[in-house]
Amino acid sequence: MGSTALQKDGQTVDEELWRKLLTCIEESIGPAKFSTWFDPLKYLGSHGQCLRVQVPNRFTREWLSEHYLPLMVQTLRQLGGPEATIQFEVGGKEPLGPADEGSVPPAPTAALQVPAPPPVLDDSPFNPRLTFENFVVGPGNQLAHAACLAVAQRPADAYNPLFLYGGVGLGKTHLLHSIGHHVRVTRPNLRVTYISSENFLNDLVNAIQAHDVVEFRNTYRTYDILMIDDIQFIAGKERTQEEFFHTFNDLYNNLRQIILTSDRAPKEMSTLEDRLRSRFEWGMIADLQPPDLETRMAILKKKAAFLDVHLPDEVGYLIATQLRADVRKLEGALNRLVLHSSILGNRTITEEMATLVLRDMLEQGEPVITVERIQEAVCSHFRITLNLLTSNKRNKEVATARQVAMYLARQLTKSSLPDIGRHFGGKDHTTVIHACEKIKRLVESDPQVKAEIDQLVSRLQG
């Protein structure tokens, strides 16, 4: 292609290779997804070692960067493409980097890069199954996911440090691995690592015993991105906190990204030194909450699709309604079902099979929440009768209780709007919508209302 071709050692990355790349991607992801995300793209040629591709808008650019860049990298390698960068240009205008318009432009290394040498997988601390693409986003983890994606795209610029906290099995580790994968593909020049706080402590102890603390410091202070899981375990350990304090300062002052996870917020770590606590709170703090019913169903469907098995809706609902708090338990239940099905010759997964195979897990789960149970709990909480709750009385106390019950029924059950209305004396679906929207606004604006709702949810899930 003359001046529009990428050249290196006599090889070229030209329009023919671009067409081959698109053909391979379509075969990999299917025509529907390909039509949505790749049909609108336009190959613009190249500049130096940079492959220029036009996208219709910023959203498309960000989606491609997050979901399909690794596939593009792998495919280019298979086709023998030389080392290159990919630059998405929105609407044929000036190239848009990861940062918003008007912000300080990123360094040249911020371009989406295709590293020539394949990664040494044996040395990678990142689980290949834990990526942004297969992380299911819901109301309980939306902020944490967005913050992690921003950090992966703009290390040490978006949020530094980034502190994630939440219970076991809610996706903290998954997000750390996702950041690692994204950075290794898009910024192969950066040194990124993921460790547990236990490994950090063990490395320090070994360094002290070997009289080689200087080497320990040199190792940890040369990373561009340091991710430490379960940082709460350094609390109460004076020497470890001392070393991490200085490591944190060195990385932060040199514009290196720090990402930490914990099972609790910094302010709840009673034995953590104040100087560390204050530093943990410098940047973004995002919590992860247990997934709601819709998110749990989505997690099961995505996992089933990954395993290439059909999961009937009624089976997914059975599992999702009884295993609420831990994503790992959801996936474990599905894995057990798939194994049982394969042993029986890939027999279709049914509700009866799930009830039998998962009986020990489901028996340990919380009782299924129904509209009737919600009504009972709300009546008890507000000290009113069921007849009053389902009546047409509109005084403030009764109306509020009724709206709370409708809101909880919408959040915690699979009942449709008309079905919920029928449980409340035949109210129509618009009444239910109004009630849900009103309580949702109160939960977001009034801490006391949120505390009452949380209390009711805990009681129902208890």
Protein backbone atom coordinates (compact mmCIF):
# COMPACT_ATOMS: atom_id res chain seq x y z
CA MET A 1 0.00 0.00 0.00
CA GLY A 2 2.99 2.28 -0.29
CA SER A 3 2.93 5.05 2.27
CA THR A 4 -0.11 3.67 4.10
CA ALA A 5 1.43 0.33 4.98
CA LEU A 6 3.07 -0.59 8.25
CA GLN A 7 6.57 -1.82 7.53
CA LYS A 8 9.07 -3.75 9.56
CA ASP A 9 11.88 -6.00 8.27
CA GLY A 10 10.25 -6.14 4.86
CA GLN A 11 6.82 -7.13 6.25
CA THR A 12 3.69 -5.01 5.94
CA VAL A 13 0.48 -4.67 7.88
CA ASP A 14 -1.86 -3.39 5.18
CA GLU A 15 -5.49 -3.46 4.19
CA GLU A 16 -5.31 -7.14 3.26
CA LEU A 17 -4.17 -8.08 6.76
CA TRP A 18 -6.92 -5.87 8.19
CA ARG A 19 -9.50 -7.80 6.13
CA LYS A 20 -8.06 -11.11 7.30
CA LEU A 21 -8.15 -9.88 10.88
CA LEU A 22 -11.84 -8.99 10.55
CA THR A 23 -12.63 -12.37 8.98
CA CYS A 24 -11.00 -14.22 11.88
CA ILE A 25 -12.77 -12.07 14.46
CA GLU A 26 -16.16 -12.68 12.85
CA GLU A 27 -15.53 -16.43 12.93
CA SER A 28 -14.58 -16.15 16.59
CA ILE A 29 -17.39 -13.98 17.96
CA GLY A 30 -20.20 -14.71 15.50
CA PRO A 31 -21.96 -12.53 12.93
CA ALA A 32 -24.34 -10.77 15.34
CA LYS A 33 -21.65 -9.32 17.62
CA PHE A 34 -19.38 -8.69 14.67
CA SER A 35 -22.06 -6.69 12.88
CA THR A 36 -22.68 -4.59 15.97
CA TRP A 37 -19.09 -3.70 16.83
CA PHE A 38 -16.91 -4.24 13.75
CA ASP A 39 -19.07 -3.35 10.76
CA PRO A 40 -18.98 0.37 11.67
CA LEU A 41 -15.16 0.40 11.75
CA LYS A 42 -13.15 1.93 8.94
CA TYR A 43 -9.51 1.18 8.26
CA LEU A 44 -7.70 4.49 7.74
CA GLY A 45 -4.24 3.19 6.92
CA SER A 46 -1.18 3.56 9.09
CA HIS A 47 1.32 6.05 10.36
CA GLY A 48 4.70 4.63 11.24
CA GLN A 49 4.02 1.59 13.40
CA CYS A 50 0.46 2.74 14.25
CA LEU A 51 -2.59 1.05 12.75
CA ARG A 52 -5.34 3.71 12.45
CA VAL A 53 -8.97 2.65 12.74
CA GLN A 54 -11.98 4.94 12.68
CA VAL A 55 -14.84 4.26 15.12
CA PRO A 56 -18.23 6.03 15.13
CA ASN A 57 -18.14 7.29 18.70
CA ARG A 58 -16.27 7.28 22.03
CA PHE A 59 -18.47 4.55 23.50
CA THR A 60 -17.59 2.18 20.67
CA ARG A 61 -13.90 2.93 21.15
CA GLU A 62 -14.07 2.18 24.88
CA TRP A 63 -16.13 -0.99 24.38
CA LEU A 64 -13.72 -2.34 21.77
CA SER A 65 -10.76 -1.50 23.99
CA GLU A 66 -12.26 -3.35 26.93
CA HIS A 67 -13.90 -6.34 25.28
CA TYR A 68 -12.14 -7.14 22.00
CA LEU A 69 -8.61 -5.78 22.10
CA PRO A 70 -7.12 -9.02 23.53
CA LEU A 71 -8.76 -10.98 20.69
CA MET A 72 -7.40 -8.53 18.12
CA VAL A 73 -3.93 -8.88 19.63
CA GLN A 74 -4.04 -12.67 19.56
CA THR A 75 -5.38 -12.76 16.01
CA LEU A 76 -2.74 -10.36 14.71
CA ARG A 77 -0.04 -12.58 16.18
CA GLN A 78 -1.54 -15.64 14.52
CA LEU A 79 -1.62 -13.83 11.19
CA GLY A 80 2.02 -12.84 11.56
CA GLY A 81 1.45 -9.12 11.99
CA PRO A 82 4.48 -7.16 13.17
CA GLU A 83 4.70 -5.25 16.41
CA ALA A 84 2.20 -2.43 16.17
CA THR A 85 -0.05 0.00 17.99
CA ILE A 86 -3.74 0.42 17.33
CA GLN A 87 -5.19 3.89 17.45
CA PHE A 88 -8.95 4.38 17.41
CA GLU A 89 -10.07 7.69 15.95
CA VAL A 90 -13.61 8.82 16.69
CA GLY A 91 -15.57 9.94 13.64
CA GLY A 92 -12.45 10.73 11.66
CA LYS A 93 -11.53 13.52 14.07
CA GLU A 94 -8.35 13.87 16.06
CA PRO A 95 -7.36 10.65 17.87
CA LEU A 96 -8.98 10.31 21.25
CA GLY A 97 -6.78 8.79 23.90
CA PRO A 98 -8.07 7.13 27.04
CA ALA A 99 -8.40 10.47 28.85
CA ASP A 100 -11.35 12.79 28.33
CA GLU A 101 -11.12 15.75 25.99
CA GLY A 102 -9.46 18.72 27.57
CA SER A 103 -7.40 16.63 29.97
CA VAL A 104 -3.65 16.28 29.88
CA PRO A 105 -2.82 13.95 26.96
CA PRO A 106 -1.31 10.60 27.93
CA ALA A 107 2.27 9.67 27.27
CA PRO A 108 3.03 8.07 23.87
CA THR A 109 3.07 4.65 25.48
CA ALA A 110 -0.64 5.04 26.27
CA ALA A 111 -1.60 3.95 22.74
CA LEU A 112 -3.32 0.58 22.51
CA GLN A 113 -0.35 -1.66 21.87
CA VAL A 114 0.13 -5.04 20.27
CA PRO A 115 3.28 -6.52 21.76
CA ALA A 116 5.27 -8.65 19.35
CA PRO A 117 6.63 -11.30 21.73
CA PRO A 118 4.01 -13.53 23.34
CA PRO A 119 3.73 -13.21 27.12
CA VAL A 120 5.43 -15.76 29.33
CA LEU A 121 2.26 -17.31 30.68
CA ASP A 122 4.04 -19.39 33.32
CA ASP A 123 5.24 -16.23 35.03
CA SER A 124 1.89 -14.46 34.86
CA PRO A 125 0.07 -14.08 38.18
CA PHE A 126 -3.20 -13.37 36.37
CA ASN A 127 -5.95 -15.97 35.94
CA PRO A 128 -6.92 -16.04 32.23
CA ARG A 129 -10.58 -16.52 33.15
CA LEU A 130 -10.76 -13.35 35.25
CA THR A 131 -11.14 -10.49 32.76
CA PHE A 132 -13.34 -7.44 32.38
CA GLU A 133 -15.18 -9.19 29.57
CA ASN A 134 -16.57 -11.94 31.79
CA PHE A 135 -17.20 -9.78 34.86
CA VAL A 136 -20.95 -9.31 35.34
CA VAL A 137 -21.77 -5.74 36.34
CA GLY A 138 -24.73 -5.04 38.64
CA PRO A 139 -25.87 -2.35 41.08
CA GLY A 140 -23.71 -3.76 43.86
CA ASN A 141 -20.40 -3.59 41.96
CA GLN A 142 -20.98 -0.94 39.29
CA LEU A 143 -18.85 1.75 40.93
CA ALA A 144 -15.97 -0.64 41.66
CA HIS A 145 -16.02 -1.96 38.09
CA ALA A 146 -16.02 1.54 36.59
CA ALA A 147 -13.15 2.63 38.85
CA CYS A 148 -11.08 -0.43 37.96
CA LEU A 149 -11.67 0.07 34.24
CA ALA A 150 -10.63 3.72 34.54
CA VAL A 151 -7.45 2.73 36.39
CA ALA A 152 -6.64 0.05 33.79
CA GLN A 153 -7.00 2.63 31.02
CA ARG A 154 -5.22 5.48 32.83
CA PRO A 155 -2.88 4.11 35.53
CA ALA A 156 -1.84 6.62 38.22
CA ASP A 157 -4.11 9.20 36.62
CA ALA A 158 -7.72 8.22 37.29
CA TYR A 159 -7.80 7.08 40.93
CA ASN A 160 -4.67 6.59 43.00
CA PRO A 161 -4.74 4.73 45.26
CA LEU A 162 -7.79 2.65 44.45
CA PHE A 163 -9.19 0.82 47.48
CA LEU A 164 -11.83 -1.92 47.00
CA TYR A 165 -13.59 -3.57 49.90
CA GLY A 166 -16.37 -6.11 50.36
CA GLY A 167 -17.14 -9.62 51.53
CA VAL A 168 -15.73 -12.90 50.28
CA GLY A 169 -16.64 -13.95 46.75
CA LEU A 170 -17.98 -10.60 45.53
CA GLY A 171 -15.42 -9.99 42.76
CA LYS A 172 -12.53 -8.02 44.26
CA THR A 173 -9.89 -10.47 43.09
CA HIS A 174 -11.60 -10.81 39.71
CA LEU A 175 -11.30 -7.05 39.18
CA LEU A 176 -7.60 -7.03 40.12
CA HIS A 177 -6.87 -9.77 37.59
CA SER A 178 -8.94 -7.90 35.00
CA ILE A 179 -6.77 -4.81 35.48
CA GLY A 180 -3.65 -6.93 35.12
CA HIS A 181 -4.82 -8.51 31.86
CA HIS A 182 -5.91 -5.19 30.38
CA VAL A 183 -2.65 -3.43 31.23
CA ARG A 184 -0.47 -6.28 29.95
CA VAL A 185 -2.20 -6.09 26.58
CA THR A 186 -2.56 -2.33 26.22
CA ARG A 187 0.60 -1.24 28.06
CA PRO A 188 3.13 -4.07 27.76
CA ASN A 189 5.94 -1.71 28.72
CA LEU A 190 4.53 -1.29 32.25
CA ARG A 191 5.57 -3.55 35.13
CA VAL A 192 2.44 -4.79 36.85
CA THR A 193 2.08 -7.34 39.63
CA TYR A 194 -0.60 -8.86 41.83
CA ILE A 195 0.15 -10.41 45.22
CA SER A 196 -1.62 -11.17 48.47
CA SER A 197 -0.69 -9.32 51.64
CA GLU A 198 0.48 -12.69 52.99
CA ASN A 199 3.04 -12.96 50.18
CA PHE A 200 4.16 -9.39 50.82
CA LEU A 201 4.67 -10.30 54.49
CA ASN A 202 6.51 -13.54 53.62
CA ASP A 203 8.79 -11.73 51.17
CA LEU A 204 9.63 -9.20 53.87
CA VAL A 205 10.35 -11.88 56.49
CA ASN A 206 12.59 -13.77 54.06
CA ALA A 207 14.42 -10.56 53.18
CA ILE A 208 15.02 -9.76 56.85
CA GLN A 209 16.32 -13.26 57.53
CA ALA A 210 18.62 -13.04 54.53
CA HIS A 211 19.77 -9.54 55.47
CA ASP A 212 18.58 -8.37 52.06
CA VAL A 213 15.86 -5.81 52.80
CA VAL A 214 17.36 -3.44 50.21
CA GLU A 215 16.62 -5.95 47.45
CA PHE A 216 13.08 -6.34 48.79
CA ARG A 217 12.56 -2.60 48.59
CA ASN A 218 14.07 -2.35 45.13
CA THR A 219 11.76 -5.08 43.88
CA TYR A 220 8.51 -3.59 45.14
CA ARG A 221 9.37 0.00 44.35
CA THR A 222 10.07 -0.59 40.68
CA TYR A 223 6.56 -1.72 39.77
CA ASP A 224 4.44 0.66 37.74
CA ILE A 225 1.27 -0.94 39.11
CA LEU A 226 1.21 -2.70 42.47
CA MET A 227 -1.94 -4.65 43.41
CA ILE A 228 -2.22 -6.21 46.86
CA ASP A 229 -5.16 -8.42 47.83
CA ASP A 230 -6.48 -8.61 51.42
CA ILE A 231 -4.41 -5.71 52.71
CA GLN A 232 -6.27 -5.93 56.06
CA PHE A 233 -3.87 -8.67 57.15
CA ILE A 234 -0.98 -6.22 57.56
CA ALA A 235 -2.92 -4.42 60.31
CA GLY A 236 -1.29 -4.94 63.68
CA LYS A 237 2.06 -6.00 62.15
CA GLU A 238 4.37 -3.09 62.92
CA ARG A 239 7.37 -3.94 60.73
CA THR A 240 5.19 -4.85 57.75
CA GLN A 241 3.22 -1.64 58.09
CA GLU A 242 6.46 0.33 58.34
CA GLU A 243 7.83 -1.16 55.11
CA PHE A 244 4.56 -0.81 53.26
CA PHE A 245 4.23 2.82 54.37
CA HIS A 246 7.54 3.69 52.74
CA THR A 247 6.78 1.53 49.68
CA PHE A 248 3.44 3.30 49.29
CA ASN A 249 5.07 6.73 49.54
CA ASP A 250 7.77 5.87 47.03
CA LEU A 251 5.30 4.51 44.46
CA TYR A 252 2.82 7.33 44.93
CA ASN A 253 5.44 10.07 44.70
CA ASN A 254 6.75 8.53 41.48
CA LEU A 255 3.28 8.42 39.92
CA ARG A 256 2.92 4.64 40.16
CA GLN A 257 -0.54 3.08 40.55
CA ILE A 258 -1.50 1.38 43.83
CA ILE A 259 -4.59 -0.85 44.09
CA LEU A 260 -5.63 -2.53 47.33
CA THR A 261 -8.48 -4.79 48.40
CA SER A 262 -9.84 -5.58 51.83
CA ASP A 263 -12.83 -7.16 53.53
CA ARG A 264 -13.55 -3.85 55.27
CA ALA A 265 -13.20 -0.11 54.81
CA PRO A 266 -9.98 1.59 56.02
CA LYS A 267 -11.80 3.31 58.88
CA GLU A 268 -12.91 -0.10 60.19
CA MET A 269 -9.33 -1.43 60.55
CA SER A 270 -8.82 -0.70 64.22
CA THR A 271 -5.19 -1.89 64.37
CA LEU A 272 -4.07 -0.15 61.19
CA GLU A 273 -1.71 2.78 61.68
CA ASP A 274 -3.37 6.15 61.16
CA ARG A 275 -0.76 7.26 58.64
CA LEU A 276 -1.59 4.24 56.43
CA ARG A 277 -5.33 4.67 56.92
CA SER A 278 -5.15 8.27 55.75
CA ARG A 279 -3.18 7.24 52.66
CA PHE A 280 -5.64 4.50 51.79
CA GLU A 281 -8.33 7.19 51.81
CA TRP A 282 -6.45 9.59 49.52
CA GLY A 283 -7.93 8.21 46.31
CA MET A 284 -11.07 6.29 45.44
CA ILE A 285 -12.78 3.90 47.87
CA ALA A 286 -15.37 1.60 46.32
CA ASP A 287 -17.30 -1.16 48.02
CA LEU A 288 -18.77 -4.31 46.50
CA GLN A 289 -22.17 -5.46 47.74
CA PRO A 290 -23.78 -8.89 47.33
CA PRO A 291 -25.38 -9.17 43.87
CA ASP A 292 -29.13 -8.72 43.53
CA LEU A 293 -31.33 -11.40 41.98
CA GLU A 294 -30.98 -10.09 38.42
CA THR A 295 -27.20 -9.96 38.70
CA ARG A 296 -27.03 -13.47 40.17
CA MET A 297 -29.12 -14.75 37.28
CA ALA A 298 -26.85 -12.95 34.81
CA ILE A 299 -23.75 -14.46 36.44
CA LEU A 300 -25.17 -17.96 36.09
CA LYS A 301 -26.15 -17.37 32.45
CA LYS A 302 -22.70 -16.01 31.57
CA LYS A 303 -20.99 -18.93 33.30
CA ALA A 304 -23.28 -21.39 31.51
CA ALA A 305 -22.50 -19.77 28.18
CA PHE A 306 -18.79 -20.01 28.93
CA LEU A 307 -19.22 -23.73 29.69
CA ASP A 308 -21.36 -24.08 26.55
CA VAL A 309 -24.33 -25.57 28.41
CA HIS A 310 -28.01 -24.66 28.42
CA LEU A 311 -29.28 -23.49 31.80
CA PRO A 312 -33.09 -23.28 31.91
CA ASP A 313 -34.45 -20.10 33.51
CA GLU A 314 -36.26 -22.02 36.25
CA VAL A 315 -33.02 -23.74 37.28
CA GLY A 316 -31.12 -20.46 37.29
CA TYR A 317 -33.86 -18.89 39.37
CA LEU A 318 -33.82 -21.79 41.85
CA ILE A 319 -30.07 -21.40 42.40
CA ALA A 320 -30.07 -17.59 42.41
CA THR A 321 -32.87 -17.29 44.95
CA GLN A 322 -31.18 -19.56 47.49
CA LEU A 323 -27.48 -18.75 47.08
CA ARG A 324 -27.29 -15.01 47.50
CA ALA A 325 -24.17 -13.78 49.20
CA ASP A 326 -21.26 -15.43 47.40
CA VAL A 327 -20.61 -15.54 43.64
CA ARG A 328 -18.23 -18.46 44.10
CA LYS A 329 -21.06 -20.56 45.53
CA LEU A 330 -23.21 -19.73 42.51
CA GLU A 331 -20.48 -20.85 40.13
CA GLY A 332 -19.73 -23.89 42.27
CA ALA A 333 -23.37 -24.96 42.12
CA LEU A 334 -23.41 -24.64 38.33
CA ASN A 335 -20.13 -26.54 37.98
CA ARG A 336 -21.57 -29.38 40.03
CA LEU A 337 -24.68 -29.52 37.84
CA VAL A 338 -22.65 -29.54 34.64
CA LEU A 339 -20.42 -32.34 35.94
CA HIS A 340 -23.45 -34.40 36.96
CA SER A 341 -25.03 -33.81 33.55
CA SER A 342 -21.87 -34.91 31.72
CA ILE A 343 -21.57 -38.07 33.81
CA LEU A 344 -25.11 -38.95 32.74
CA GLY A 345 -24.27 -38.44 29.07
CA ASN A 346 -24.92 -34.71 28.81
CA ARG A 347 -28.47 -35.09 30.00
CA THR A 348 -30.52 -31.86 29.99
CA ILE A 349 -30.27 -29.92 33.24
CA THR A 350 -33.69 -29.71 34.89
CA GLU A 351 -35.12 -28.23 38.06
CA GLU A 352 -35.59 -31.75 39.43
CA MET A 353 -31.92 -32.57 38.78
CA ALA A 354 -30.81 -29.33 40.42
CA THR A 355 -32.92 -29.96 43.50
CA LEU A 356 -31.41 -33.43 43.88
CA VAL A 357 -27.78 -32.66 43.04
CA LEU A 358 -27.62 -29.39 44.99
CA ARG A 359 -29.76 -30.42 47.94
CA ASP A 360 -26.96 -29.90 50.48
CA MET A 361 -26.11 -26.45 49.09
CA LEU A 362 -29.71 -25.33 48.76
CA GLU A 363 -30.59 -26.54 52.25
CA GLN A 364 -27.83 -24.31 53.59
CA GLY A 365 -29.11 -21.35 51.58
CA GLU A 366 -31.59 -18.83 52.90
CA PRO A 367 -35.32 -19.54 52.48
CA VAL A 368 -36.85 -18.33 49.22
CA ILE A 369 -38.20 -14.79 49.52
CA THR A 370 -41.80 -14.37 48.38
CA VAL A 371 -44.15 -11.40 48.26
CA GLU A 372 -46.06 -12.96 51.16
CA ARG A 373 -42.91 -13.14 53.32
CA ILE A 374 -42.10 -9.55 52.48
CA GLN A 375 -45.61 -8.44 53.46
CA GLU A 376 -45.29 -10.30 56.76
CA ALA A 377 -41.91 -8.68 57.54
CA VAL A 378 -43.12 -5.18 56.61
CA CYS A 379 -46.29 -5.54 58.68
CA SER A 380 -44.20 -6.58 61.66
CA HIS A 381 -41.74 -3.72 61.15
CA PHE A 382 -44.41 -1.01 60.77
CA ARG A 383 -46.78 -2.62 63.31
CA ILE A 384 -49.78 -2.79 61.00
CA THR A 385 -52.04 -5.64 59.87
CA LEU A 386 -51.92 -7.36 56.47
CA ASN A 387 -55.48 -6.21 55.79
CA LEU A 388 -54.39 -2.62 56.30
CA LEU A 389 -51.30 -3.09 54.13
CA THR A 390 -53.35 -4.40 51.20
CA SER A 391 -56.23 -1.97 51.66
CA ASN A 392 -56.85 1.35 49.92
CA LYS A 393 -56.03 3.37 53.04
CA ARG A 394 -53.77 6.28 52.10
CA ASN A 395 -52.64 7.75 55.41
CA LYS A 396 -48.87 8.35 55.51
CA GLU A 397 -47.88 5.41 57.73
CA VAL A 398 -49.84 2.80 55.77
CA ALA A 399 -48.90 4.26 52.37
CA THR A 400 -45.21 4.25 53.27
CA ALA A 401 -45.34 0.65 54.51
CA ARG A 402 -47.15 -0.41 51.32
CA GLN A 403 -44.59 1.37 49.12
CA VAL A 404 -41.70 -0.23 51.02
CA ALA A 405 -43.25 -3.68 50.61
CA MET A 406 -43.76 -3.12 46.87
CA TYR A 407 -40.18 -1.90 46.51
CA LEU A 408 -38.80 -4.95 48.33
CA ALA A 409 -41.01 -7.28 46.29
CA ARG A 410 -39.61 -5.76 43.11
CA GLN A 411 -36.01 -6.00 44.37
CA LEU A 412 -36.06 -9.41 46.03
CA THR A 413 -38.49 -11.52 43.98
CA LYS A 414 -39.02 -12.40 40.36
CA SER A 415 -42.67 -11.29 40.47
CA SER A 416 -43.89 -9.06 37.66
CA LEU A 417 -45.33 -5.60 38.31
CA PRO A 418 -48.94 -6.75 37.77
CA ASP A 419 -48.36 -9.76 40.03
CA ILE A 420 -47.02 -7.53 42.81
CA GLY A 421 -50.03 -5.24 42.39
CA ARG A 422 -52.40 -8.20 42.78
CA HIS A 423 -50.81 -9.01 46.14
CA PHE A 424 -51.74 -5.53 47.34
CA GLY A 425 -55.48 -5.52 46.76
CA GLY A 426 -55.37 -5.41 42.97
CA LYS A 427 -53.25 -2.27 42.52
CA ASP A 428 -52.23 -1.65 38.90
CA HIS A 429 -48.62 -1.77 37.67
CA THR A 430 -48.27 2.03 37.53
CA THR A 431 -48.92 2.20 41.28
CA VAL A 432 -46.14 -0.34 41.85
CA ILE A 433 -43.76 1.62 39.60
CA HIS A 434 -44.51 4.85 41.46
CA ALA A 435 -43.94 3.15 44.83
CA CYS A 436 -40.62 1.63 43.73
CA GLU A 437 -39.33 4.90 42.31
CA LYS A 438 -40.31 6.84 45.42
CA ILE A 439 -38.61 4.44 47.85
CA LYS A 440 -35.56 4.23 45.59
CA ARG A 441 -35.17 8.02 45.76
CA LEU A 442 -35.55 7.96 49.55
CA VAL A 443 -32.97 5.18 49.90
CA GLU A 444 -30.50 7.25 47.89
CA SER A 445 -31.14 10.50 49.77
CA ASP A 446 -32.17 9.57 53.32
CA PRO A 447 -29.73 7.48 55.42
CA GLN A 448 -32.45 6.59 57.91
CA VAL A 449 -34.69 5.13 55.21
CA LYS A 450 -31.73 3.23 53.76
CA ALA A 451 -30.97 1.79 57.20
CA GLU A 452 -34.58 0.61 57.59
CA ILE A 453 -34.57 -1.01 54.14
CA ASP A 454 -31.22 -2.70 54.85
CA GLN A 455 -32.61 -3.99 58.13
CA LEU A 456 -35.64 -5.48 56.40
CA VAL A 457 -33.50 -7.05 53.67
CA SER A 458 -31.19 -8.60 56.27
CA ARG A 459 -34.19 -9.99 58.12
CA LEU A 460 -35.65 -11.50 54.96
CA GLN A 461 -32.35 -12.99 53.86
CA GLY A 462 -31.42 -14.01 57.38
